[in-house]
C-alpha atoms as a PDB file:
ATOM      1  CA  MET A   1     107.951 -95.780 -44.821  1.00  0.00           C
ATOM      2  CA  SER A   2     107.155 -97.896 -47.886  1.00  0.00           C
ATOM      3  CA  THR A   3     104.972 -96.487 -50.633  1.00  0.00           C
ATOM      4  CA  ALA A   4     102.115 -98.578 -52.110  1.00  0.00           C
ATOM      5  CA  GLY A   5     103.054-100.043 -55.475  1.00  0.00           C
ATOM      6  CA  ALA A   6     106.719 -99.156 -55.155  1.00  0.00           C
ATOM      7  CA  GLN A   7     109.497-101.656 -54.559  1.00  0.00           C
ATOM      8  CA  GLY A   8     111.252-101.450 -51.192  1.00  0.00           C
ATOM      9  CA  LYS A   9     114.949-101.710 -50.414  1.00  0.00           C
ATOM     10  CA  LEU A  10     117.355-103.807 -48.280  1.00  0.00           C
ATOM     11  CA  THR A  11     119.728-101.630 -46.252  1.00  0.00           C
ATOM     12  CA  ILE A  12     122.616-103.258 -44.444  1.00  0.00           C
ATOM     13  CA  VAL A  13     123.349-101.353 -41.299  1.00  0.00           C
ATOM     14  CA  PRO A  14     126.604-101.762 -39.269  1.00  0.00           C
ATOM     15  CA  THR A  15     126.148-101.658 -35.471  1.00  0.00           C
ATOM     16  CA  PRO A  16     128.745-101.041 -32.742  1.00  0.00           C
ATOM     17  CA  VAL A  17     131.179-103.789 -31.971  1.00  0.00           C
ATOM     18  CA  GLY A  18     131.100-102.816 -28.256  1.00  0.00           C
ATOM     19  CA  ASN A  19     130.602 -99.227 -27.352  1.00  0.00           C
ATOM     20  CA  LEU A  20     127.042 -98.155 -28.221  1.00  0.00           C
ATOM     21  CA  GLY A  21     128.276 -94.591 -28.961  1.00  0.00           C
ATOM     22  CA  ASP A  22     129.913 -95.874 -32.179  1.00  0.00           C
ATOM     23  CA  ILE A  23     126.732 -96.027 -34.188  1.00  0.00           C
ATOM     24  CA  THR A  24     126.378 -93.439 -36.923  1.00  0.00           C
ATOM     25  CA  LEU A  25     123.657 -90.801 -37.202  1.00  0.00           C
ATOM     26  CA  ARG A  26     122.799 -92.154 -40.610  1.00  0.00           C
ATOM     27  CA  ALA A  27     122.444 -95.687 -39.231  1.00  0.00           C
ATOM     28  CA  LEU A  28     119.974 -94.442 -36.657  1.00  0.00           C
ATOM     29  CA  GLU A  29     118.075 -92.598 -39.393  1.00  0.00           C
ATOM     30  CA  VAL A  30     117.726 -95.810 -41.462  1.00  0.00           C
ATOM     31  CA  LEU A  31     116.635 -97.861 -38.451  1.00  0.00           C
ATOM     32  CA  ARG A  32     113.979 -95.384 -37.436  1.00  0.00           C
ATOM     33  CA  SER A  33     112.544 -95.161 -40.943  1.00  0.00           C
ATOM     34  CA  ALA A  34     112.606 -98.873 -41.733  1.00  0.00           C
ATOM     35  CA  ASP A  35     109.410-100.925 -41.963  1.00  0.00           C
ATOM     36  CA  LEU A  36     111.187-103.988 -40.559  1.00  0.00           C
ATOM     37  CA  ILE A  37     114.513-104.653 -38.786  1.00  0.00           C
ATOM     38  CA  LEU A  38     116.120-108.036 -39.254  1.00  0.00           C
ATOM     39  CA  ALA A  39     118.529-108.938 -36.333  1.00  0.00           C
ATOM     40  CA  GLU A  40     120.900-111.850 -35.814  1.00  0.00           C
ATOM     41  CA  ASP A  41     119.707-112.135 -32.210  1.00  0.00           C
ATOM     42  CA  THR A  42     116.622-110.010 -31.281  1.00  0.00           C
ATOM     43  CA  ARG A  43     117.537-110.072 -27.566  1.00  0.00           C
ATOM     44  CA  THR A  44     120.992-108.601 -28.263  1.00  0.00           C
ATOM     45  CA  SER A  45     119.738-106.003 -30.756  1.00  0.00           C
ATOM     46  CA  SER A  46     116.885-104.979 -28.509  1.00  0.00           C
ATOM     47  CA  VAL A  47     119.377-103.521 -26.089  1.00  0.00           C
ATOM     48  CA  LEU A  48     120.789-101.231 -28.839  1.00  0.00           C
ATOM     49  CA  LEU A  49     117.380-100.303 -30.256  1.00  0.00           C
ATOM     50  CA  LYS A  50     116.004 -99.499 -26.769  1.00  0.00           C
ATOM     51  CA  HIS A  51     119.066 -97.332 -26.018  1.00  0.00           C
ATOM     52  CA  TYR A  52     118.240 -95.186 -29.030  1.00  0.00           C
ATOM     53  CA  ASP A  53     114.501 -95.387 -28.652  1.00  0.00           C
ATOM     54  CA  VAL A  54     114.062 -97.213 -32.045  1.00  0.00           C
ATOM     55  CA  LYS A  55     110.637 -98.823 -32.026  1.00  0.00           C
ATOM     56  CA  LYS A  56     110.264-100.917 -35.205  1.00  0.00           C
ATOM     57  CA  PRO A  57     109.044-104.587 -35.917  1.00  0.00           C
ATOM     58  CA  LEU A  58     111.996-106.884 -35.272  1.00  0.00           C
ATOM     59  CA  GLU A  59     112.452-110.353 -36.691  1.00  0.00           C
ATOM     60  CA  SER A  60     115.309-112.903 -36.382  1.00  0.00           C
ATOM     61  CA  HIS A  61     117.635-113.449 -39.258  1.00  0.00           C
ATOM     62  CA  HIS A  62     120.610-115.701 -38.451  1.00  0.00           C
ATOM     63  CA  LYS A  63     122.767-118.421 -39.947  1.00  0.00           C
ATOM     64  CA  PHE A  64     120.237-121.158 -39.027  1.00  0.00           C
ATOM     65  CA  ASN A  65     117.358-119.638 -40.976  1.00  0.00           C
ATOM     66  CA  GLU A  66     118.781-117.265 -43.602  1.00  0.00           C
ATOM     67  CA  PHE A  67     118.572-119.865 -46.431  1.00  0.00           C
ATOM     68  CA  LYS A  68     114.883-120.636 -45.644  1.00  0.00           C
ATOM     69  CA  THR A  69     113.689-117.046 -45.143  1.00  0.00           C
ATOM     70  CA  SER A  70     115.607-115.088 -47.844  1.00  0.00           C
ATOM     71  CA  SER A  71     113.216-115.845 -50.735  1.00  0.00           C
ATOM     72  CA  THR A  72     110.245-114.750 -48.652  1.00  0.00           C
ATOM     73  CA  LEU A  73     112.004-111.625 -47.485  1.00  0.00           C
ATOM     74  CA  VAL A  74     112.878-110.732 -51.087  1.00  0.00           C
ATOM     75  CA  ALA A  75     109.186-110.976 -52.073  1.00  0.00           C
ATOM     76  CA  ARG A  76     108.195-108.758 -49.152  1.00  0.00           C
ATOM     77  CA  ILE A  77     110.684-106.163 -50.212  1.00  0.00           C
ATOM     78  CA  GLN A  78     109.501-106.330 -53.821  1.00  0.00           C
ATOM     79  CA  GLU A  79     106.071-105.538 -52.498  1.00  0.00           C
ATOM     80  CA  GLY A  80     107.300-102.333 -50.905  1.00  0.00           C
ATOM     81  CA  LEU A  81     108.789-103.237 -47.559  1.00  0.00           C
ATOM     82  CA  ASN A  82     111.927-101.262 -46.546  1.00  0.00           C
ATOM     83  CA  VAL A  83     114.105-103.605 -44.546  1.00  0.00           C
ATOM     84  CA  ALA A  84     117.173-102.846 -42.401  1.00  0.00           C
ATOM     85  CA  LEU A  85     119.513-105.742 -41.678  1.00  0.00           C
ATOM     86  CA  ILE A  86     121.725-105.672 -38.574  1.00  0.00           C
ATOM     87  CA  SER A  87     123.920-108.214 -36.807  1.00  0.00           C
ATOM     88  CA  ASP A  88     124.907-108.585 -33.165  1.00  0.00           C
ATOM     89  CA  ALA A  89     127.965-106.367 -33.818  1.00  0.00           C
ATOM     90  CA  GLY A  90     129.720-104.926 -36.751  1.00  0.00           C
ATOM     91  CA  THR A  91     128.769-105.222 -40.392  1.00  0.00           C
ATOM     92  CA  PRO A  92     126.357-107.966 -41.505  1.00  0.00           C
ATOM     93  CA  GLY A  93     127.851-110.250 -44.071  1.00  0.00           C
ATOM     94  CA  VAL A  94     131.364-109.886 -42.667  1.00  0.00           C
ATOM     95  CA  SER A  95     131.740-113.088 -40.573  1.00  0.00           C
ATOM     96  CA  ASP A  96     128.092-112.619 -39.736  1.00  0.00           C
ATOM     97  CA  PRO A  97     124.751-113.565 -41.423  1.00  0.00           C
ATOM     98  CA  GLY A  98     123.618-111.244 -44.240  1.00  0.00           C
ATOM     99  CA  ILE A  99     125.375-112.145 -47.448  1.00  0.00           C
ATOM    100  CA  ILE A 100     122.786-114.757 -48.464  1.00  0.00           C
ATOM    101  CA  LEU A 101     119.939-112.263 -48.281  1.00  0.00           C
ATOM    102  CA  ALA A 102     121.977-109.609 -50.055  1.00  0.00           C
ATOM    103  CA  GLN A 103     122.806-112.026 -52.880  1.00  0.00           C
ATOM    104  CA  ALA A 104     119.126-113.023 -53.183  1.00  0.00           C
ATOM    105  CA  CYS A 105     118.106-109.401 -53.408  1.00  0.00           C
ATOM    106  CA  ILE A 106     120.772-108.651 -56.093  1.00  0.00           C
ATOM    107  CA  GLU A 107     119.674-111.645 -58.116  1.00  0.00           C
ATOM    108  CA  ALA A 108     116.101-110.503 -57.990  1.00  0.00           C
ATOM    109  CA  GLU A 109     117.207-106.922 -58.920  1.00  0.00           C
ATOM    110  CA  VAL A 110     116.088-105.549 -55.534  1.00  0.00           C
ATOM    111  CA  PRO A 111     117.993-102.488 -54.406  1.00  0.00           C
ATOM    112  CA  VAL A 112     120.688-103.211 -51.789  1.00  0.00           C
ATOM    113  CA  GLU A 113     122.542-100.581 -49.857  1.00  0.00           C
ATOM    114  CA  CYS A 114     125.252-100.924 -47.279  1.00  0.00           C
ATOM    115  CA  LEU A 115     126.101 -98.143 -44.852  1.00  0.00           C
ATOM    116  CA  PRO A 116     129.699 -97.589 -43.739  1.00  0.00           C
ATOM    117  CA  GLY A 117     130.313 -98.244 -40.053  1.00  0.00           C
ATOM    118  CA  ALA A 118     131.832-100.399 -37.416  1.00  0.00           C
ATOM    119  CA  THR A 119     133.797-103.520 -38.092  1.00  0.00           C
ATOM    120  CA  ALA A 120     136.254-105.033 -35.648  1.00  0.00           C
ATOM    121  CA  PHE A 121     139.232-105.985 -37.840  1.00  0.00           C
ATOM    122  CA  VAL A 122     140.030-102.423 -39.196  1.00  0.00           C
ATOM    123  CA  PRO A 123     140.674-100.710 -35.840  1.00  0.00           C
ATOM    124  CA  ALA A 124     142.491-103.817 -34.616  1.00  0.00           C
ATOM    125  CA  LEU A 125     144.749-103.681 -37.633  1.00  0.00           C
ATOM    126  CA  VAL A 126     145.560-100.043 -37.192  1.00  0.00           C
ATOM    127  CA  VAL A 127     146.267-100.352 -33.515  1.00  0.00           C
ATOM    128  CA  SER A 128     148.301-103.449 -33.902  1.00  0.00           C
ATOM    129  CA  GLY A 129     151.393-101.757 -35.268  1.00  0.00           C
ATOM    130  CA  LEU A 130     151.751-104.415 -37.970  1.00  0.00           C
ATOM    131  CA  ASP A 131     151.849-103.687 -41.706  1.00  0.00           C
ATOM    132  CA  ALA A 132     148.459-102.225 -42.552  1.00  0.00           C
ATOM    133  CA  SER A 133     149.187-101.483 -46.216  1.00  0.00           C
ATOM    134  CA  ARG A 134     148.695-105.133 -47.319  1.00  0.00           C
ATOM    135  CA  PHE A 135     146.569-107.575 -45.397  1.00  0.00           C
ATOM    136  CA  VAL A 136     144.259-110.635 -45.713  1.00  0.00           C
ATOM    137  CA  PHE A 137     141.133-111.001 -43.642  1.00  0.00           C
ATOM    138  CA  GLU A 138     140.175-114.577 -42.936  1.00  0.00           C
ATOM    139  CA  GLY A 139     137.349-114.133 -40.448  1.00  0.00           C
ATOM    140  CA  PHE A 140     136.826-117.327 -38.370  1.00  0.00           C
ATOM    141  CA  LEU A 141     138.942-120.349 -39.196  1.00  0.00           C
ATOM    142  CA  PRO A 142     137.214-123.732 -39.788  1.00  0.00           C
ATOM    143  CA  GLN A 143     136.682-125.350 -36.414  1.00  0.00           C
ATOM    144  CA  LYS A 144     137.523-128.862 -37.588  1.00  0.00           C
ATOM    145  CA  LYS A 145     137.950-129.984 -41.119  1.00  0.00           C
ATOM    146  CA  GLY A 146     140.511-127.979 -43.078  1.00  0.00           C
ATOM    147  CA  ARG A 147     141.691-125.980 -40.016  1.00  0.00           C
ATOM    148  CA  HIS A 148     145.342-127.022 -40.036  1.00  0.00           C
ATOM    149  CA  SER A 149     145.701-126.869 -43.896  1.00  0.00           C
ATOM    150  CA  ARG A 150     144.243-123.332 -43.759  1.00  0.00           C
ATOM    151  CA  ILE A 151     146.742-122.279 -41.163  1.00  0.00           C
ATOM    152  CA  GLN A 152     149.486-123.878 -43.227  1.00  0.00           C
ATOM    153  CA  ALA A 153     148.458-121.782 -46.225  1.00  0.00           C
ATOM    154  CA  LEU A 154     148.317-118.582 -44.091  1.00  0.00           C
ATOM    155  CA  ALA A 155     151.874-119.191 -42.824  1.00  0.00           C
ATOM    156  CA  GLU A 156     152.974-118.620 -46.436  1.00  0.00           C
ATOM    157  CA  GLU A 157     151.229-115.203 -46.583  1.00  0.00           C
ATOM    158  CA  GLU A 158     153.553-112.249 -46.905  1.00  0.00           C
ATOM    159  CA  ARG A 159     150.625-109.916 -45.946  1.00  0.00           C
ATOM    160  CA  THR A 160     149.389-109.397 -42.402  1.00  0.00           C
ATOM    161  CA  VAL A 161     146.869-112.039 -41.554  1.00  0.00           C
ATOM    162  CA  ILE A 162     143.699-111.082 -39.578  1.00  0.00           C
ATOM    163  CA  LEU A 163     141.404-113.584 -37.858  1.00  0.00           C
ATOM    164  CA  TYR A 164     138.512-113.630 -35.535  1.00  0.00           C
ATOM    165  CA  GLU A 165     138.666-116.108 -32.679  1.00  0.00           C
ATOM    166  CA  SER A 166     136.657-117.156 -29.615  1.00  0.00           C
ATOM    167  CA  PRO A 167     138.322-117.069 -26.104  1.00  0.00           C
ATOM    168  CA  PHE A 168     137.912-120.860 -25.981  1.00  0.00           C
ATOM    169  CA  ARG A 169     140.116-121.546 -28.977  1.00  0.00           C
ATOM    170  CA  VAL A 170     142.539-118.561 -29.048  1.00  0.00           C
ATOM    171  CA  LEU A 171     145.341-120.200 -27.140  1.00  0.00           C
ATOM    172  CA  LYS A 172     145.234-123.328 -29.258  1.00  0.00           C
ATOM    173  CA  THR A 173     145.164-121.198 -32.403  1.00  0.00           C
ATOM    174  CA  LEU A 174     148.254-119.335 -31.271  1.00  0.00           C
ATOM    175  CA  GLN A 175     150.034-122.583 -30.445  1.00  0.00           C
ATOM    176  CA  VAL A 176     149.316-124.033 -33.928  1.00  0.00           C
ATOM    177  CA  PHE A 177     150.446-120.817 -35.638  1.00  0.00           C
ATOM    178  CA  ALA A 178     153.678-120.933 -33.454  1.00  0.00           C
ATOM    179  CA  GLU A 179     154.216-124.548 -34.633  1.00  0.00           C
ATOM    180  CA  VAL A 180     153.674-123.629 -38.280  1.00  0.00           C
ATOM    181  CA  CYS A 181     155.372-120.219 -38.382  1.00  0.00           C
ATOM    182  CA  GLY A 182     157.896-120.425 -35.483  1.00  0.00           C
ATOM    183  CA  GLY A 183     157.322-118.868 -32.131  1.00  0.00           C
ATOM    184  CA  GLU A 184     159.402-115.786 -33.040  1.00  0.00           C
ATOM    185  CA  ARG A 185     156.800-114.516 -35.612  1.00  0.00           C
ATOM    186  CA  LYS A 186     155.330-111.191 -34.519  1.00  0.00           C
ATOM    187  CA  ALA A 187     151.637-111.268 -33.512  1.00  0.00           C
ATOM    188  CA  VAL A 188     149.002-109.159 -31.831  1.00  0.00           C
ATOM    189  CA  ALA A 189     145.826-110.122 -29.906  1.00  0.00           C
ATOM    190  CA  VAL A 190     143.101-107.480 -29.566  1.00  0.00           C
ATOM    191  CA  ARG A 191     140.256-108.334 -27.223  1.00  0.00           C
ATOM    192  CA  GLU A 192     137.024-106.669 -26.207  1.00  0.00           C
ATOM    193  CA  LEU A 193     137.578-103.901 -28.777  1.00  0.00           C
ATOM    194  CA  THR A 194     135.928-100.567 -27.849  1.00  0.00           C
ATOM    195  CA  LYS A 195     134.696-102.045 -24.482  1.00  0.00           C
ATOM    196  CA  VAL A 196     135.647-101.254 -20.918  1.00  0.00           C
ATOM    197  CA  TYR A 197     138.225-104.070 -20.779  1.00  0.00           C
ATOM    198  CA  GLU A 198     139.716-103.525 -24.209  1.00  0.00           C
ATOM    199  CA  GLU A 199     143.267-104.971 -24.391  1.00  0.00           C
ATOM    200  CA  VAL A 200     145.991-104.977 -27.001  1.00  0.00           C
ATOM    201  CA  CYS A 201     148.719-107.642 -26.523  1.00  0.00           C
ATOM    202  CA  ARG A 202     151.737-107.202 -28.828  1.00  0.00           C
ATOM    203  CA  GLY A 203     154.774-109.504 -29.089  1.00  0.00           C
ATOM    204  CA  THR A 204     155.747-112.784 -30.680  1.00  0.00           C
ATOM    205  CA  LEU A 205     153.521-115.827 -30.963  1.00  0.00           C
ATOM    206  CA  GLN A 206     155.440-117.489 -28.126  1.00  0.00           C
ATOM    207  CA  GLU A 207     155.075-114.407 -25.906  1.00  0.00           C
ATOM    208  CA  LEU A 208     151.265-114.293 -26.574  1.00  0.00           C
ATOM    209  CA  ILE A 209     151.097-118.021 -25.759  1.00  0.00           C
ATOM    210  CA  GLU A 210     152.852-117.448 -22.475  1.00  0.00           C
ATOM    211  CA  HIS A 211     150.593-114.506 -21.639  1.00  0.00           C
ATOM    212  CA  PHE A 212     147.262-116.317 -22.326  1.00  0.00           C
ATOM    213  CA  THR A 213     148.620-119.452 -20.521  1.00  0.00           C
ATOM    214  CA  GLU A 214     148.952-117.345 -17.412  1.00  0.00           C
ATOM    215  CA  VAL A 215     145.901-115.151 -17.979  1.00  0.00           C
ATOM    216  CA  SER A 216     142.737-116.949 -19.027  1.00  0.00           C
ATOM    217  CA  PRO A 217     141.414-115.478 -22.379  1.00  0.00           C
ATOM    218  CA  ARG A 218     138.144-113.682 -22.040  1.00  0.00           C
ATOM    219  CA  GLY A 219     135.974-111.802 -24.563  1.00  0.00           C
ATOM    220  CA  GLU A 220     135.995-111.860 -28.345  1.00  0.00           C
ATOM    221  CA  PHE A 221     139.395-111.705 -30.102  1.00  0.00           C
ATOM    222  CA  VAL A 222     140.922-110.297 -33.219  1.00  0.00           C
ATOM    223  CA  LEU A 223     144.264-112.098 -33.893  1.00  0.00           C
ATOM    224  CA  LEU A 224     146.798-110.493 -36.264  1.00  0.00           C
ATOM    225  CA  ILE A 225     149.877-112.411 -37.489  1.00  0.00           C
ATOM    226  CA  ALA A 226     152.763-110.660 -39.222  1.00  0.00           C
ATOM    227  CA  GLY A 227     153.366-111.640 -42.807  1.00  0.00           C
ATOM    228  CA  ALA A 228     155.945-114.233 -43.555  1.00  0.00           C
ATOM    229  CA  PRO A 229     159.458-112.900 -44.423  1.00  0.00           C
ATOM    230  CA  HIS A 230     160.630-113.713 -47.963  1.00  0.00           C
ATOM    231  CA  GLU A 231     163.356-116.117 -46.757  1.00  0.00           C
ATOM    232  CA  LYS A 232     161.323-118.002 -44.185  1.00  0.00           C
ATOM    233  CA  LYS A 233     157.637-119.038 -44.416  1.00  0.00           C
ATOM    234  CA  ILE A 234     156.589-122.365 -42.973  1.00  0.00           C
ATOM    235  CA  HIS A 235     158.641-123.333 -39.985  1.00  0.00           C
ATOM    236  CA  LYS A 236     160.939-126.214 -40.893  1.00  0.00           C
ATOM    237  CA  SER A 237     159.858-128.565 -38.056  1.00  0.00           C
ATOM    238  CA  TYR A 238     156.212-128.230 -39.125  1.00  0.00           C
ATOM    239  CA  ARG A 239     157.118-128.737 -42.754  1.00  0.00           C
ATOM    240  CA  ASP A 240     158.870-131.955 -41.826  1.00  0.00           C
ATOM    241  CA  LYS A 241     155.820-133.033 -39.713  1.00  0.00           C
ATOM    242  CA  LEU A 242     153.496-132.464 -42.708  1.00  0.00           C
ATOM    243  CA  ARG A 243     155.819-134.415 -44.948  1.00  0.00           C
ATOM    244  CA  GLU A 244     155.856-137.301 -42.500  1.00  0.00           C
ATOM    245  CA  GLU A 245     152.060-137.300 -42.251  1.00  0.00           C
ATOM    246  CA  ASN A 246     151.728-137.319 -46.040  1.00  0.00           C
ATOM    247  CA  ASP A 247     154.201-140.171 -46.398  1.00  0.00           C
ATOM    248  CA  ASN A 248     152.224-142.192 -43.832  1.00  0.00           C
ATOM    249  CA  LEU A 249     148.912-141.534 -45.699  1.00  0.00           C
ATOM    250  CA  ASN A 250     150.516-142.623 -48.945  1.00  0.00           C
ATOM    251  CA  SER A 251     152.010-145.738 -47.456  1.00  0.00           C
ATOM    252  CA  ASN A 252     148.507-146.743 -46.256  1.00  0.00           C
END
């Protein structure tokens, strides 16, 4: 608990990405000793906290309010509140809310600690069979503006590319990558990591497209795309298409 007159601390606590048994003993210790737990979705986090009999005040901290509430939270921590920050799954700040509050605390010279723990892309990378020595983690791609240009840039990457994707966009994302990189590029789709229906689909981009055309994508996905070979990066047909689009823009 906080001590009167002493500054508190922000502790970033990773939570399981699926299987509740993946939480660490230290994470539970921090959650049970915190004065306040900040959760991305209190309904989702309540399931985890109830499972481990953690009974602490719980407040929402998500992408829609983190800019507004961070300064107030920093002030409360400075007054002695010990705050634990969790997200729905995985490590806060990694494709989840949390980095804004952490930055605000650091700027105010408030202690910030991050526990090691679950994050989806590391086990997905290891189980993929792709090169794990050099990789780039992109998180979620832009949904609209800049999406195609980002995929074009990733097609040039010689390191393994790791993305998070929703089941509603995963097939389209694979199709665009196939258009950019060529359908023969190796890729892996990992879905429902650590859960009952965990699945690892390995093959080429074209093979994954065929699979998820026949089998409707369900659950949360980690997509991994093999790095570009030195002699071939962007697929020629896509490069010609981009050149044609640029020529049309310039002519207008």
